[in-house]
Amino acid sequence: MSEIDDQIPSAFDPFADANAEDSGAGTKEYVHVRIQQRNGRKSLTTVQGLKKEFSYNRILKDLKKEFCCNGTVVQDPELGQVIQLQGDQRKNVSTFLTQAGIVKKEHIKIHGF
């Protein structure tokens, strides 16, 4: 009997790693980077979902200086504060946020065509 007990694998918990990393499983907050088409070739890039502890105006100032575009911070009743930038800056914004250490790459969702 003891040989059989040695050969039977112990119970495997596939969610043990996930629970060790994140205490709140399923509550992963994403940063959404979207593009909105305006008129003609004009477009608008929006960034939402950043943590409230960050200064949106300082992030916006660095983004504007880095990508040579204009932008603003808009207060939305449902979404909170949203950063808007002129032009299609989706890839630029995602690389900037990861290099600055604001958001991890796996927490960024890029939307749009």
PDB file of N, CA and C in Angstrom:
ATOM      1  N   MET A   1       0.804  -1.202   0.000  1.00  0.00           N
ATOM      2  CA  MET A   1       0.000   0.000   0.000  1.00  0.00           C
ATOM      3  C   MET A   1       0.844   1.262   0.000  1.00  0.00           C
ATOM      4  N   SER A   2       1.952   1.261   0.656  1.00  0.00           N
ATOM      5  CA  SER A   2       2.756   2.473   0.743  1.00  0.00           C
ATOM      6  C   SER A   2       3.364   2.844  -0.606  1.00  0.00           C
ATOM      7  N   GLU A   3       3.628   1.854  -1.473  1.00  0.00           N
ATOM      8  CA  GLU A   3       4.153   2.153  -2.801  1.00  0.00           C
ATOM      9  C   GLU A   3       3.120   2.898  -3.637  1.00  0.00           C
ATOM     10  N   ILE A   4       1.872   2.505  -3.508  1.00  0.00           N
ATOM     11  CA  ILE A   4       0.809   3.181  -4.262  1.00  0.00           C
ATOM     12  C   ILE A   4       0.648   4.608  -3.775  1.00  0.00           C
ATOM     13  N   ASP A   5       0.715   4.830  -2.470  1.00  0.00           N
ATOM     14  CA  ASP A   5       0.592   6.175  -1.937  1.00  0.00           C
ATOM     15  C   ASP A   5       1.724   7.081  -2.415  1.00  0.00           C
ATOM     16  N   ASP A   6       2.907   6.510  -2.585  1.00  0.00           N
ATOM     17  CA  ASP A   6       4.043   7.300  -3.065  1.00  0.00           C
ATOM     18  C   ASP A   6       3.885   7.687  -4.531  1.00  0.00           C
ATOM     19  N   GLN A   7       3.212   6.848  -5.319  1.00  0.00           N
ATOM     20  CA  GLN A   7       3.064   7.111  -6.747  1.00  0.00           C
ATOM     21  C   GLN A   7       1.911   8.059  -7.064  1.00  0.00           C
ATOM     22  N   ILE A   8       0.940   8.167  -6.171  1.00  0.00           N
ATOM     23  CA  ILE A   8      -0.194   9.057  -6.419  1.00  0.00           C
ATOM     24  C   ILE A   8       0.249  10.496  -6.191  1.00  0.00           C
ATOM     25  N   PRO A   9       0.104  11.340  -7.209  1.00  0.00           N
ATOM     26  CA  PRO A   9       0.527  12.737  -7.011  1.00  0.00           C
ATOM     27  C   PRO A   9      -0.405  13.453  -6.042  1.00  0.00           C
ATOM     28  N   SER A  10       0.165  14.404  -5.361  1.00  0.00           N
ATOM     29  CA  SER A  10      -0.647  15.193  -4.429  1.00  0.00           C
ATOM     30  C   SER A  10      -1.576  16.114  -5.206  1.00  0.00           C
ATOM     31  N   ALA A  11      -2.531  16.675  -4.522  1.00  0.00           N
ATOM     32  CA  ALA A  11      -3.499  17.562  -5.171  1.00  0.00           C
ATOM     33  C   ALA A  11      -2.783  18.784  -5.729  1.00  0.00           C
ATOM     34  N   PHE A  12      -3.090  19.109  -6.966  1.00  0.00           N
ATOM     35  CA  PHE A  12      -2.467  20.243  -7.637  1.00  0.00           C
ATOM     36  C   PHE A  12      -3.465  21.389  -7.697  1.00  0.00           C
ATOM     37  N   ASP A  13      -3.035  22.538  -7.221  1.00  0.00           N
ATOM     38  CA  ASP A  13      -3.886  23.725  -7.249  1.00  0.00           C
ATOM     39  C   ASP A  13      -3.404  24.631  -8.380  1.00  0.00           C
ATOM     40  N   PRO A  14      -4.126  24.699  -9.516  1.00  0.00           N
ATOM     41  CA  PRO A  14      -3.660  25.516 -10.636  1.00  0.00           C
ATOM     42  C   PRO A  14      -3.728  27.009 -10.367  1.00  0.00           C
ATOM     43  N   PHE A  15      -4.498  27.429  -9.363  1.00  0.00           N
ATOM     44  CA  PHE A  15      -4.644  28.856  -9.075  1.00  0.00           C
ATOM     45  C   PHE A  15      -3.738  29.316  -7.941  1.00  0.00           C
ATOM     46  N   ALA A  16      -2.841  28.463  -7.474  1.00  0.00           N
ATOM     47  CA  ALA A  16      -1.967  28.840  -6.365  1.00  0.00           C
ATOM     48  C   ALA A  16      -1.052  29.988  -6.763  1.00  0.00           C
ATOM     49  N   ASP A  17      -0.505  29.953  -7.993  1.00  0.00           N
ATOM     50  CA  ASP A  17       0.380  31.026  -8.445  1.00  0.00           C
ATOM     51  C   ASP A  17      -0.367  32.340  -8.585  1.00  0.00           C
ATOM     52  N   ALA A  18      -1.570  32.294  -9.112  1.00  0.00           N
ATOM     53  CA  ALA A  18      -2.352  33.511  -9.295  1.00  0.00           C
ATOM     54  C   ALA A  18      -2.722  34.130  -7.956  1.00  0.00           C
ATOM     55  N   ASN A  19      -3.059  33.304  -6.983  1.00  0.00           N
ATOM     56  CA  ASN A  19      -3.414  33.833  -5.670  1.00  0.00           C
ATOM     57  C   ASN A  19      -2.200  34.398  -4.950  1.00  0.00           C
ATOM     58  N   ALA A  20      -1.041  33.853  -5.225  1.00  0.00           N
ATOM     59  CA  ALA A  20       0.171  34.365  -4.585  1.00  0.00           C
ATOM     60  C   ALA A  20       0.536  35.747  -5.132  1.00  0.00           C
ATOM     61  N   GLU A  21       0.335  35.956  -6.435  1.00  0.00           N
ATOM     62  CA  GLU A  21       0.696  37.237  -7.039  1.00  0.00           C
ATOM     63  C   GLU A  21      -0.311  38.333  -6.718  1.00  0.00           C
ATOM     64  N   ASP A  22      -1.582  38.047  -6.962  1.00  0.00           N
ATOM     65  CA  ASP A  22      -2.639  39.035  -6.755  1.00  0.00           C
ATOM     66  C   ASP A  22      -3.582  38.537  -5.681  1.00  0.00           C
ATOM     67  N   SER A  23      -3.732  39.313  -4.623  1.00  0.00           N
ATOM     68  CA  SER A  23      -4.665  38.904  -3.578  1.00  0.00           C
ATOM     69  C   SER A  23      -6.094  39.047  -4.052  1.00  0.00           C
ATOM     70  N   GLY A  24      -6.376  40.020  -4.916  1.00  0.00           N
ATOM     71  CA  GLY A  24      -7.727  40.204  -5.440  1.00  0.00           C
ATOM     72  C   GLY A  24      -7.808  39.667  -6.847  1.00  0.00           C
ATOM     73  N   ALA A  25      -8.002  38.382  -7.001  1.00  0.00           N
ATOM     74  CA  ALA A  25      -8.057  37.780  -8.323  1.00  0.00           C
ATOM     75  C   ALA A  25      -9.300  38.273  -9.053  1.00  0.00           C
ATOM     76  N   GLY A  26      -9.113  38.660 -10.297  1.00  0.00           N
ATOM     77  CA  GLY A  26     -10.232  39.141 -11.094  1.00  0.00           C
ATOM     78  C   GLY A  26     -10.463  40.640 -10.964  1.00  0.00           C
ATOM     79  N   THR A  27      -9.708  41.325 -10.119  1.00  0.00           N
ATOM     80  CA  THR A  27      -9.889  42.763  -9.957  1.00  0.00           C
ATOM     81  C   THR A  27      -8.756  43.529 -10.641  1.00  0.00           C
ATOM     82  N   LYS A  28      -8.196  42.939 -11.680  1.00  0.00           N
ATOM     83  CA  LYS A  28      -7.067  43.548 -12.381  1.00  0.00           C
ATOM     84  C   LYS A  28      -7.535  44.812 -13.094  1.00  0.00           C
ATOM     85  N   GLU A  29      -6.918  45.915 -12.800  1.00  0.00           N
ATOM     86  CA  GLU A  29      -7.264  47.194 -13.417  1.00  0.00           C
ATOM     87  C   GLU A  29      -6.403  47.380 -14.664  1.00  0.00           C
ATOM     88  N   TYR A  30      -7.040  47.667 -15.765  1.00  0.00           N
ATOM     89  CA  TYR A  30      -6.342  47.904 -17.016  1.00  0.00           C
ATOM     90  C   TYR A  30      -6.321  49.392 -17.335  1.00  0.00           C
ATOM     91  N   VAL A  31      -5.289  49.792 -18.079  1.00  0.00           N
ATOM     92  CA  VAL A  31      -5.220  51.134 -18.635  1.00  0.00           C
ATOM     93  C   VAL A  31      -5.626  50.995 -20.092  1.00  0.00           C
ATOM     94  N   HIS A  32      -6.677  51.696 -20.486  1.00  0.00           N
ATOM     95  CA  HIS A  32      -7.213  51.592 -21.837  1.00  0.00           C
ATOM     96  C   HIS A  32      -6.714  52.753 -22.678  1.00  0.00           C
ATOM     97  N   VAL A  33      -6.090  52.431 -23.811  1.00  0.00           N
ATOM     98  CA  VAL A  33      -5.604  53.433 -24.757  1.00  0.00           C
ATOM     99  C   VAL A  33      -6.445  53.273 -26.018  1.00  0.00           C
ATOM    100  N   ARG A  34      -7.234  54.290 -26.336  1.00  0.00           N
ATOM    101  CA  ARG A  34      -8.172  54.212 -27.455  1.00  0.00           C
ATOM    102  C   ARG A  34      -7.906  55.322 -28.464  1.00  0.00           C
ATOM    103  N   ILE A  35      -8.419  55.113 -29.666  1.00  0.00           N
ATOM    104  CA  ILE A  35      -8.365  56.149 -30.693  1.00  0.00           C
ATOM    105  C   ILE A  35      -9.797  56.473 -31.093  1.00  0.00           C
ATOM    106  N   GLN A  36     -10.060  57.756 -31.263  1.00  0.00           N
ATOM    107  CA  GLN A  36     -11.381  58.209 -31.718  1.00  0.00           C
ATOM    108  C   GLN A  36     -11.173  58.986 -33.007  1.00  0.00           C
ATOM    109  N   GLN A  37     -11.956  58.644 -34.008  1.00  0.00           N
ATOM    110  CA  GLN A  37     -11.861  59.339 -35.283  1.00  0.00           C
ATOM    111  C   GLN A  37     -12.636  60.647 -35.216  1.00  0.00           C
ATOM    112  N   ARG A  38     -12.003  61.721 -35.613  1.00  0.00           N
ATOM    113  CA  ARG A  38     -12.690  63.005 -35.705  1.00  0.00           C
ATOM    114  C   ARG A  38     -13.127  63.199 -37.142  1.00  0.00           C
ATOM    115  N   ASN A  39     -12.933  64.360 -37.703  1.00  0.00           N
ATOM    116  CA  ASN A  39     -13.352  64.601 -39.080  1.00  0.00           C
ATOM    117  C   ASN A  39     -12.157  64.434 -40.017  1.00  0.00           C
ATOM    118  N   GLY A  40     -12.377  63.731 -41.111  1.00  0.00           N
ATOM    119  CA  GLY A  40     -11.317  63.535 -42.096  1.00  0.00           C
ATOM    120  C   GLY A  40     -10.221  62.638 -41.571  1.00  0.00           C
ATOM    121  N   ARG A  41      -8.992  63.117 -41.653  1.00  0.00           N
ATOM    122  CA  ARG A  41      -7.840  62.350 -41.185  1.00  0.00           C
ATOM    123  C   ARG A  41      -7.519  62.614 -39.713  1.00  0.00           C
ATOM    124  N   LYS A  42      -8.241  63.490 -39.087  1.00  0.00           N
ATOM    125  CA  LYS A  42      -7.957  63.875 -37.700  1.00  0.00           C
ATOM    126  C   LYS A  42      -8.401  62.772 -36.739  1.00  0.00           C
ATOM    127  N   SER A  43      -7.606  62.549 -35.718  1.00  0.00           N
ATOM    128  CA  SER A  43      -7.957  61.541 -34.714  1.00  0.00           C
ATOM    129  C   SER A  43      -7.535  62.020 -33.334  1.00  0.00           C
ATOM    130  N   LEU A  44      -8.030  61.311 -32.336  1.00  0.00           N
ATOM    131  CA  LEU A  44      -7.823  61.675 -30.942  1.00  0.00           C
ATOM    132  C   LEU A  44      -7.481  60.402 -30.173  1.00  0.00           C
ATOM    133  N   THR A  45      -6.436  60.439 -29.369  1.00  0.00           N
ATOM    134  CA  THR A  45      -6.048  59.297 -28.551  1.00  0.00           C
ATOM    135  C   THR A  45      -6.452  59.574 -27.109  1.00  0.00           C
ATOM    136  N   THR A  46      -7.144  58.615 -26.482  1.00  0.00           N
ATOM    137  CA  THR A  46      -7.561  58.779 -25.088  1.00  0.00           C
ATOM    138  C   THR A  46      -6.896  57.709 -24.224  1.00  0.00           C
ATOM    139  N   VAL A  47      -6.516  58.109 -23.023  1.00  0.00           N
ATOM    140  CA  VAL A  47      -5.908  57.205 -22.049  1.00  0.00           C
ATOM    141  C   VAL A  47      -6.749  57.273 -20.791  1.00  0.00           C
ATOM    142  N   GLN A  48      -7.269  56.130 -20.368  1.00  0.00           N
ATOM    143  CA  GLN A  48      -8.092  56.104 -19.157  1.00  0.00           C
ATOM    144  C   GLN A  48      -7.721  54.892 -18.319  1.00  0.00           C
ATOM    145  N   GLY A  49      -8.004  54.996 -17.036  1.00  0.00           N
ATOM    146  CA  GLY A  49      -7.753  53.878 -16.135  1.00  0.00           C
ATOM    147  C   GLY A  49      -6.465  53.977 -15.350  1.00  0.00           C
ATOM    148  N   LEU A  50      -5.770  55.098 -15.435  1.00  0.00           N
ATOM    149  CA  LEU A  50      -4.570  55.266 -14.616  1.00  0.00           C
ATOM    150  C   LEU A  50      -4.978  55.396 -13.150  1.00  0.00           C
ATOM    151  N   LYS A  51      -4.085  55.022 -12.268  1.00  0.00           N
ATOM    152  CA  LYS A  51      -4.389  55.112 -10.838  1.00  0.00           C
ATOM    153  C   LYS A  51      -4.556  56.565 -10.420  1.00  0.00           C
ATOM    154  N   LYS A  52      -5.374  56.777  -9.431  1.00  0.00           N
ATOM    155  CA  LYS A  52      -5.685  58.138  -8.979  1.00  0.00           C
ATOM    156  C   LYS A  52      -4.495  58.813  -8.295  1.00  0.00           C
ATOM    157  N   GLU A  53      -3.532  58.013  -7.842  1.00  0.00           N
ATOM    158  CA  GLU A  53      -2.393  58.583  -7.118  1.00  0.00           C
ATOM    159  C   GLU A  53      -1.427  59.323  -8.041  1.00  0.00           C
ATOM    160  N   PHE A  54      -1.522  59.074  -9.356  1.00  0.00           N
ATOM    161  CA  PHE A  54      -0.648  59.756 -10.302  1.00  0.00           C
ATOM    162  C   PHE A  54      -1.180  61.148 -10.617  1.00  0.00           C
ATOM    163  N   SER A  55      -0.266  62.057 -10.901  1.00  0.00           N
ATOM    164  CA  SER A  55      -0.643  63.398 -11.320  1.00  0.00           C
ATOM    165  C   SER A  55      -0.871  63.388 -12.830  1.00  0.00           C
ATOM    166  N   TYR A  56      -2.121  63.489 -13.215  1.00  0.00           N
ATOM    167  CA  TYR A  56      -2.467  63.422 -14.631  1.00  0.00           C
ATOM    168  C   TYR A  56      -1.851  64.583 -15.406  1.00  0.00           C
ATOM    169  N   ASN A  57      -1.806  65.747 -14.792  1.00  0.00           N
ATOM    170  CA  ASN A  57      -1.254  66.909 -15.491  1.00  0.00           C
ATOM    171  C   ASN A  57       0.234  66.765 -15.755  1.00  0.00           C
ATOM    172  N   ARG A  58       0.970  66.156 -14.840  1.00  0.00           N
ATOM    173  CA  ARG A  58       2.411  65.967 -15.067  1.00  0.00           C
ATOM    174  C   ARG A  58       2.660  64.910 -16.137  1.00  0.00           C
ATOM    175  N   ILE A  59       1.844  63.844 -16.133  1.00  0.00           N
ATOM    176  CA  ILE A  59       1.968  62.822 -17.175  1.00  0.00           C
ATOM    177  C   ILE A  59       1.644  63.436 -18.532  1.00  0.00           C
ATOM    178  N   LEU A  60       0.586  64.249 -18.575  1.00  0.00           N
ATOM    179  CA  LEU A  60       0.199  64.908 -19.822  1.00  0.00           C
ATOM    180  C   LEU A  60       1.305  65.833 -20.315  1.00  0.00           C
ATOM    181  N   LYS A  61       1.918  66.561 -19.412  1.00  0.00           N
ATOM    182  CA  LYS A  61       2.988  67.485 -19.796  1.00  0.00           C
ATOM    183  C   LYS A  61       4.152  66.720 -20.426  1.00  0.00           C
ATOM    184  N   ASP A  62       4.518  65.584 -19.833  1.00  0.00           N
ATOM    185  CA  ASP A  62       5.610  64.781 -20.392  1.00  0.00           C
ATOM    186  C   ASP A  62       5.219  64.157 -21.736  1.00  0.00           C
ATOM    187  N   LEU A  63       3.970  63.704 -21.857  1.00  0.00           N
ATOM    188  CA  LEU A  63       3.516  63.120 -23.121  1.00  0.00           C
ATOM    189  C   LEU A  63       3.530  64.162 -24.238  1.00  0.00           C
ATOM    190  N   LYS A  64       3.051  65.364 -23.934  1.00  0.00           N
ATOM    191  CA  LYS A  64       3.013  66.420 -24.940  1.00  0.00           C
ATOM    192  C   LYS A  64       4.421  66.801 -25.389  1.00  0.00           C
ATOM    193  N   LYS A  65       5.333  66.872 -24.446  1.00  0.00           N
ATOM    194  CA  LYS A  65       6.704  67.250 -24.783  1.00  0.00           C
ATOM    195  C   LYS A  65       7.401  66.136 -25.566  1.00  0.00           C
ATOM    196  N   GLU A  66       7.145  64.891 -25.200  1.00  0.00           N
ATOM    197  CA  GLU A  66       7.794  63.748 -25.838  1.00  0.00           C
ATOM    198  C   GLU A  66       7.323  63.545 -27.279  1.00  0.00           C
ATOM    199  N   PHE A  67       6.013  63.684 -27.520  1.00  0.00           N
ATOM    200  CA  PHE A  67       5.453  63.349 -28.829  1.00  0.00           C
ATOM    201  C   PHE A  67       5.092  64.565 -29.668  1.00  0.00           C
ATOM    202  N   CYS A  68       5.394  65.755 -29.209  1.00  0.00           N
ATOM    203  CA  CYS A  68       5.139  66.993 -29.958  1.00  0.00           C
ATOM    204  C   CYS A  68       3.683  67.085 -30.423  1.00  0.00           C
ATOM    205  N   CYS A  69       2.776  66.916 -29.474  1.00  0.00           N
ATOM    206  CA  CYS A  69       1.354  67.030 -29.803  1.00  0.00           C
ATOM    207  C   CYS A  69       0.661  67.766 -28.661  1.00  0.00           C
ATOM    208  N   ASN A  70      -0.546  68.222 -28.918  1.00  0.00           N
ATOM    209  CA  ASN A  70      -1.304  68.911 -27.887  1.00  0.00           C
ATOM    210  C   ASN A  70      -2.200  67.907 -27.178  1.00  0.00           C
ATOM    211  N   GLY A  71      -2.666  68.262 -25.994  1.00  0.00           N
ATOM    212  CA  GLY A  71      -3.537  67.366 -25.254  1.00  0.00           C
ATOM    213  C   GLY A  71      -4.165  68.068 -24.071  1.00  0.00           C
ATOM    214  N   THR A  72      -5.075  67.352 -23.415  1.00  0.00           N
ATOM    215  CA  THR A  72      -5.774  67.898 -22.262  1.00  0.00           C
ATOM    216  C   THR A  72      -6.226  66.763 -21.362  1.00  0.00           C
ATOM    217  N   VAL A  73      -6.576  67.115 -20.116  1.00  0.00           N
ATOM    218  CA  VAL A  73      -7.163  66.172 -19.175  1.00  0.00           C
ATOM    219  C   VAL A  73      -8.634  66.533 -19.041  1.00  0.00           C
ATOM    220  N   VAL A  74      -9.521  65.567 -19.315  1.00  0.00           N
ATOM    221  CA  VAL A  74     -10.959  65.777 -19.293  1.00  0.00           C
ATOM    222  C   VAL A  74     -11.552  65.001 -18.126  1.00  0.00           C
ATOM    223  N   GLN A  75     -12.451  65.635 -17.387  1.00  0.00           N
ATOM    224  CA  GLN A  75     -13.143  64.972 -16.280  1.00  0.00           C
ATOM    225  C   GLN A  75     -14.447  64.373 -16.809  1.00  0.00           C
ATOM    226  N   ASP A  76     -14.547  63.047 -16.790  1.00  0.00           N
ATOM    227  CA  ASP A  76     -15.745  62.353 -17.259  1.00  0.00           C
ATOM    228  C   ASP A  76     -16.512  61.836 -16.047  1.00  0.00           C
ATOM    229  N   PRO A  77     -17.848  61.965 -16.025  1.00  0.00           N
ATOM    230  CA  PRO A  77     -18.598  61.513 -14.841  1.00  0.00           C
ATOM    231  C   PRO A  77     -18.529  60.009 -14.612  1.00  0.00           C
ATOM    232  N   GLU A  78     -18.445  59.199 -15.675  1.00  0.00           N
ATOM    233  CA  GLU A  78     -18.388  57.751 -15.514  1.00  0.00           C
ATOM    234  C   GLU A  78     -16.965  57.239 -15.390  1.00  0.00           C
ATOM    235  N   LEU A  79     -16.066  57.753 -16.226  1.00  0.00           N
ATOM    236  CA  LEU A  79     -14.720  57.202 -16.336  1.00  0.00           C
ATOM    237  C   LEU A  79     -13.695  57.911 -15.466  1.00  0.00           C
ATOM    238  N   GLY A  80     -14.030  59.019 -14.870  1.00  0.00           N
ATOM    239  CA  GLY A  80     -13.063  59.779 -14.081  1.00  0.00           C
ATOM    240  C   GLY A  80     -12.244  60.666 -14.998  1.00  0.00           C
ATOM    241  N   GLN A  81     -10.968  60.813 -14.687  1.00  0.00           N
ATOM    242  CA  GLN A  81     -10.108  61.662 -15.499  1.00  0.00           C
ATOM    243  C   GLN A  81      -9.586  60.870 -16.697  1.00  0.00           C
ATOM    244  N   VAL A  82      -9.629  61.509 -17.864  1.00  0.00           N
ATOM    245  CA  VAL A  82      -9.188  60.896 -19.111  1.00  0.00           C
ATOM    246  C   VAL A  82      -8.207  61.840 -19.780  1.00  0.00           C
ATOM    247  N   ILE A  83      -7.080  61.318 -20.228  1.00  0.00           N
ATOM    248  CA  ILE A  83      -6.089  62.109 -20.959  1.00  0.00           C
ATOM    249  C   ILE A  83      -6.419  62.010 -22.442  1.00  0.00           C
ATOM    250  N   GLN A  84      -6.507  63.146 -23.117  1.00  0.00           N
ATOM    251  CA  GLN A  84      -6.746  63.193 -24.549  1.00  0.00           C
ATOM    252  C   GLN A  84      -5.534  63.800 -25.237  1.00  0.00           C
ATOM    253  N   LEU A  85      -5.072  63.148 -26.305  1.00  0.00           N
ATOM    254  CA  LEU A  85      -3.951  63.630 -27.098  1.00  0.00           C
ATOM    255  C   LEU A  85      -4.357  63.724 -28.553  1.00  0.00           C
ATOM    256  N   GLN A  86      -3.777  64.690 -29.267  1.00  0.00           N
ATOM    257  CA  GLN A  86      -4.068  64.827 -30.685  1.00  0.00           C
ATOM    258  C   GLN A  86      -3.277  63.801 -31.478  1.00  0.00           C
ATOM    259  N   GLY A  87      -3.936  63.203 -32.465  1.00  0.00           N
ATOM    260  CA  GLY A  87      -3.266  62.266 -33.354  1.00  0.00           C
ATOM    261  C   GLY A  87      -3.330  60.836 -32.840  1.00  0.00           C
ATOM    262  N   ASP A  88      -2.804  59.921 -33.631  1.00  0.00           N
ATOM    263  CA  ASP A  88      -2.759  58.503 -33.275  1.00  0.00           C
ATOM    264  C   ASP A  88      -1.481  58.239 -32.494  1.00  0.00           C
ATOM    265  N   GLN A  89      -1.565  58.264 -31.183  1.00  0.00           N
ATOM    266  CA  GLN A  89      -0.403  58.108 -30.307  1.00  0.00           C
ATOM    267  C   GLN A  89      -0.484  56.811 -29.489  1.00  0.00           C
ATOM    268  N   ARG A  90      -1.243  55.818 -29.954  1.00  0.00           N
ATOM    269  CA  ARG A  90      -1.474  54.613 -29.152  1.00  0.00           C
ATOM    270  C   ARG A  90      -0.188  53.880 -28.815  1.00  0.00           C
ATOM    271  N   LYS A  91       0.623  53.585 -29.813  1.00  0.00           N
ATOM    272  CA  LYS A  91       1.873  52.846 -29.570  1.00  0.00           C
ATOM    273  C   LYS A  91       2.838  53.681 -28.735  1.00  0.00           C
ATOM    274  N   ASN A  92       2.913  54.973 -29.042  1.00  0.00           N
ATOM    275  CA  ASN A  92       3.816  55.848 -28.302  1.00  0.00           C
ATOM    276  C   ASN A  92       3.439  55.918 -26.822  1.00  0.00           C
ATOM    277  N   VAL A  93       2.145  56.049 -26.544  1.00  0.00           N
ATOM    278  CA  VAL A  93       1.690  56.164 -25.163  1.00  0.00           C
ATOM    279  C   VAL A  93       1.958  54.872 -24.404  1.00  0.00           C
ATOM    280  N   SER A  94       1.715  53.723 -25.035  1.00  0.00           N
ATOM    281  CA  SER A  94       1.924  52.451 -24.342  1.00  0.00           C
ATOM    282  C   SER A  94       3.400  52.233 -24.017  1.00  0.00           C
ATOM    283  N   THR A  95       4.302  52.558 -24.945  1.00  0.00           N
ATOM    284  CA  THR A  95       5.726  52.410 -24.649  1.00  0.00           C
ATOM    285  C   THR A  95       6.179  53.420 -23.602  1.00  0.00           C
ATOM    286  N   PHE A  96       5.627  54.637 -23.651  1.00  0.00           N
ATOM    287  CA  PHE A  96       5.996  55.652 -22.658  1.00  0.00           C
ATOM    288  C   PHE A  96       5.585  55.223 -21.250  1.00  0.00           C
ATOM    289  N   LEU A  97       4.360  54.707 -21.113  1.00  0.00           N
ATOM    290  CA  LEU A  97       3.866  54.311 -19.790  1.00  0.00           C
ATOM    291  C   LEU A  97       4.662  53.133 -19.214  1.00  0.00           C
ATOM    292  N   THR A  98       5.095  52.216 -20.066  1.00  0.00           N
ATOM    293  CA  THR A  98       5.877  51.084 -19.565  1.00  0.00           C
ATOM    294  C   THR A  98       7.303  51.502 -19.236  1.00  0.00           C
ATOM    295  N   GLN A  99       7.925  52.352 -20.069  1.00  0.00           N
ATOM    296  CA  GLN A  99       9.292  52.784 -19.808  1.00  0.00           C
ATOM    297  C   GLN A  99       9.386  53.691 -18.594  1.00  0.00           C
ATOM    298  N   ALA A 100       8.333  54.480 -18.339  1.00  0.00           N
ATOM    299  CA  ALA A 100       8.334  55.367 -17.175  1.00  0.00           C
ATOM    300  C   ALA A 100       8.018  54.601 -15.889  1.00  0.00           C
ATOM    301  N   GLY A 101       7.573  53.356 -16.018  1.00  0.00           N
ATOM    302  CA  GLY A 101       7.268  52.561 -14.838  1.00  0.00           C
ATOM    303  C   GLY A 101       5.915  52.864 -14.232  1.00  0.00           C
ATOM    304  N   ILE A 102       5.039  53.501 -14.996  1.00  0.00           N
ATOM    305  CA  ILE A 102       3.712  53.847 -14.490  1.00  0.00           C
ATOM    306  C   ILE A 102       2.804  52.626 -14.509  1.00  0.00           C
ATOM    307  N   VAL A 103       2.877  51.850 -15.604  1.00  0.00           N
ATOM    308  CA  VAL A 103       2.014  50.678 -15.780  1.00  0.00           C
ATOM    309  C   VAL A 103       2.849  49.557 -16.376  1.00  0.00           C
ATOM    310  N   LYS A 104       2.557  48.319 -15.977  1.00  0.00           N
ATOM    311  CA  LYS A 104       3.203  47.172 -16.606  1.00  0.00           C
ATOM    312  C   LYS A 104       2.578  46.928 -17.966  1.00  0.00           C
ATOM    313  N   LYS A 105       3.358  46.321 -18.853  1.00  0.00           N
ATOM    314  CA  LYS A 105       2.893  46.130 -20.223  1.00  0.00           C
ATOM    315  C   LYS A 105       1.650  45.249 -20.295  1.00  0.00           C
ATOM    316  N   GLU A 106       1.533  44.258 -19.425  1.00  0.00           N
ATOM    317  CA  GLU A 106       0.375  43.355 -19.478  1.00  0.00           C
ATOM    318  C   GLU A 106      -0.899  44.001 -18.950  1.00  0.00           C
ATOM    319  N   HIS A 107      -0.812  45.197 -18.364  1.00  0.00           N
ATOM    320  CA  HIS A 107      -1.982  45.900 -17.857  1.00  0.00           C
ATOM    321  C   HIS A 107      -2.488  46.979 -18.810  1.00  0.00           C
ATOM    322  N   ILE A 108      -1.922  47.036 -20.037  1.00  0.00           N
ATOM    323  CA  ILE A 108      -2.337  48.028 -21.010  1.00  0.00           C
ATOM    324  C   ILE A 108      -3.144  47.350 -22.106  1.00  0.00           C
ATOM    325  N   LYS A 109      -4.322  47.892 -22.399  1.00  0.00           N
ATOM    326  CA  LYS A 109      -5.167  47.406 -23.486  1.00  0.00           C
ATOM    327  C   LYS A 109      -5.220  48.507 -24.546  1.00  0.00           C
ATOM    328  N   ILE A 110      -4.829  48.164 -25.772  1.00  0.00           N
ATOM    329  CA  ILE A 110      -4.858  49.119 -26.881  1.00  0.00           C
ATOM    330  C   ILE A 110      -6.074  48.783 -27.741  1.00  0.00           C
ATOM    331  N   HIS A 111      -6.955  49.758 -27.915  1.00  0.00           N
ATOM    332  CA  HIS A 111      -8.180  49.580 -28.689  1.00  0.00           C
ATOM    333  C   HIS A 111      -8.074  50.403 -29.977  1.00  0.00           C
ATOM    334  N   GLY A 112      -8.886  50.060 -30.956  1.00  0.00           N
ATOM    335  CA  GLY A 112      -8.951  50.844 -32.176  1.00  0.00           C
ATOM    336  C   GLY A 112      -8.725  50.001 -33.397  1.00  0.00           C
ATOM    337  N   PHE A 113      -8.826  50.656 -34.528  1.00  0.00           N
ATOM    338  CA  PHE A 113      -8.695  49.943 -35.787  1.00  0.00           C
ATOM    339  C   PHE A 113      -7.251  49.663 -35.983  1.00  0.00           C
TER     340      PHE A 113
END
